Amino acid sequence: MSLLRGWLKAGVSLCHSTLQTTRQIGTGVCCPVRMNAIPELKKVDRWTEKRSMFGGFRGNELQRLTRKKRMVGDRMMMQDKHDMEKRIRFLYRHFNRFGKHR
C-alpha cells in the first residue's frame, strides 16, 4: 500500500511541476494586445468591369448588369437593386433606340 502511495505522490508532483513550467512560458510580449475597435471593412465593388470579365465573359454594360441581376439579384440590398434595375431600363431603351443593329 505504501508503494502505491509513493507512486501516486510522484505522479502528482510530476504533473504539478509540468503545469508550473507551462505557465512560465510566455510569448515575449510584455503587455497584452488590446483592440478597442474592429477595423472597418473595405468597400469593394465585386462587379467592376475587370472582375466581371474574369473567366471569359464578353459583353456590354447591359449584358453585364443582367448577368449580375440573375446571379445575385435576390441577395442585393433594396436601394442597390433599384439602382441596378433603373440602369438596366435606361440601357435597354438606349440600345433599342440607337445602334448599328436597329
Protein backbone atom coordinates (compact mmCIF):
# COMPACT_ATOMS: atom_id res chain seq x y z
CA MET A 1 0.00 0.00 0.00
CA SER A 2 2.82 2.40 0.82
CA LEU A 3 4.39 1.65 -2.56
CA LEU A 4 1.16 2.70 -4.31
CA ARG A 5 1.00 5.88 -2.24
CA GLY A 6 4.58 6.70 -3.23
CA TRP A 7 3.77 6.24 -6.94
CA LEU A 8 0.71 8.49 -6.65
CA LYS A 9 2.70 11.22 -4.89
CA ALA A 10 5.41 11.03 -7.55
CA GLY A 11 2.81 11.25 -10.33
CA VAL A 12 1.05 14.21 -8.73
CA SER A 13 4.30 16.07 -8.16
CA LEU A 14 5.38 15.39 -11.75
CA CYS A 15 2.09 16.73 -13.11
CA HIS A 16 2.26 19.73 -10.79
CA SER A 17 5.82 20.62 -11.84
CA THR A 18 4.91 20.23 -15.53
CA LEU A 19 1.89 22.50 -15.08
CA GLN A 20 4.01 25.17 -13.41
CA THR A 21 6.62 25.11 -16.19
CA THR A 22 3.97 25.57 -18.85
CA ARG A 23 2.63 28.62 -17.06
CA GLN A 24 6.04 30.28 -17.08
CA ILE A 25 6.46 30.06 -20.84
CA GLY A 26 5.43 33.38 -22.39
CA THR A 27 5.06 34.90 -25.82
CA GLY A 28 7.74 37.51 -25.27
CA VAL A 29 5.27 40.40 -25.25
CA CYS A 30 5.39 42.48 -22.10
CA CYS A 31 1.76 43.58 -22.24
CA PRO A 32 -1.30 42.05 -23.86
CA VAL A 33 -2.56 43.46 -27.14
CA ARG A 34 -5.74 45.49 -26.78
CA MET A 35 -8.22 46.01 -29.57
CA ASN A 36 -10.51 48.92 -28.89
CA ALA A 37 -12.40 48.76 -32.17
CA ILE A 38 -12.76 46.34 -35.04
CA PRO A 39 -11.34 47.82 -38.25
CA GLU A 40 -13.96 48.75 -40.84
CA LEU A 41 -14.37 46.59 -43.90
CA LYS A 42 -13.22 47.88 -47.26
CA LYS A 43 -15.89 48.85 -49.76
CA VAL A 44 -15.06 46.70 -52.78
CA ASP A 45 -17.19 46.60 -55.91
CA ARG A 46 -17.18 42.93 -56.87
CA TRP A 47 -18.80 43.68 -60.21
CA THR A 48 -16.26 46.02 -61.79
CA GLU A 49 -15.60 45.51 -65.46
CA LYS A 50 -12.33 43.73 -64.78
CA ARG A 51 -13.82 41.31 -62.22
CA SER A 52 -16.95 40.52 -64.21
CA MET A 53 -14.90 39.78 -67.33
CA PHE A 54 -12.74 37.25 -65.46
CA GLY A 55 -13.35 33.80 -66.81
CA GLY A 56 -14.06 34.88 -70.40
CA PHE A 57 -17.25 36.96 -70.14
CA ARG A 58 -17.54 39.36 -73.03
CA GLY A 59 -20.36 41.83 -73.47
CA ASN A 60 -21.55 45.37 -72.96
CA GLU A 61 -22.76 47.03 -69.77
CA LEU A 62 -26.36 45.89 -70.27
CA GLN A 63 -25.31 42.26 -70.60
CA ARG A 64 -23.05 42.55 -67.56
CA LEU A 65 -25.85 44.04 -65.42
CA THR A 66 -28.42 41.44 -66.50
CA ARG A 67 -25.89 38.72 -65.66
CA LYS A 68 -25.32 40.29 -62.25
CA LYS A 69 -29.10 40.50 -61.68
CA ARG A 70 -29.52 36.81 -62.47
CA MET A 71 -26.67 35.76 -60.17
CA VAL A 72 -27.01 37.97 -57.10
CA GLY A 73 -30.22 39.95 -57.64
CA ASP A 74 -32.14 38.17 -54.89
CA ARG A 75 -29.40 38.84 -52.33
CA MET A 76 -28.90 42.55 -53.08
CA MET A 77 -29.91 45.42 -50.85
CA MET A 78 -33.11 47.21 -51.92
CA GLN A 79 -31.52 50.51 -52.99
CA ASP A 80 -28.68 48.84 -54.91
CA LYS A 81 -31.12 46.55 -56.71
CA HIS A 82 -33.37 49.51 -57.55
CA ASP A 83 -30.45 51.48 -58.97
CA MET A 84 -29.29 48.49 -61.00
CA GLU A 85 -32.76 47.88 -62.45
CA LYS A 86 -33.05 51.57 -63.28
CA ARG A 87 -29.73 51.42 -65.13
CA ILE A 88 -30.86 48.27 -66.98
CA ARG A 89 -34.07 50.03 -68.12
CA PHE A 90 -32.09 53.03 -69.35
CA LEU A 91 -29.56 50.90 -71.23
CA TYR A 92 -32.32 48.75 -72.74
CA ARG A 93 -34.07 51.82 -74.14
CA HIS A 94 -30.76 53.30 -75.28
CA PHE A 95 -29.61 50.19 -77.15
CA ASN A 96 -33.03 49.79 -78.79
CA ARG A 97 -33.12 53.41 -79.98
CA PHE A 98 -29.54 53.82 -81.16
CA GLY A 99 -27.02 51.44 -82.63
CA LYS A 100 -25.99 49.71 -85.79
CA HIS A 101 -28.40 46.76 -85.34
CA ARG A 102 -31.54 48.89 -85.06
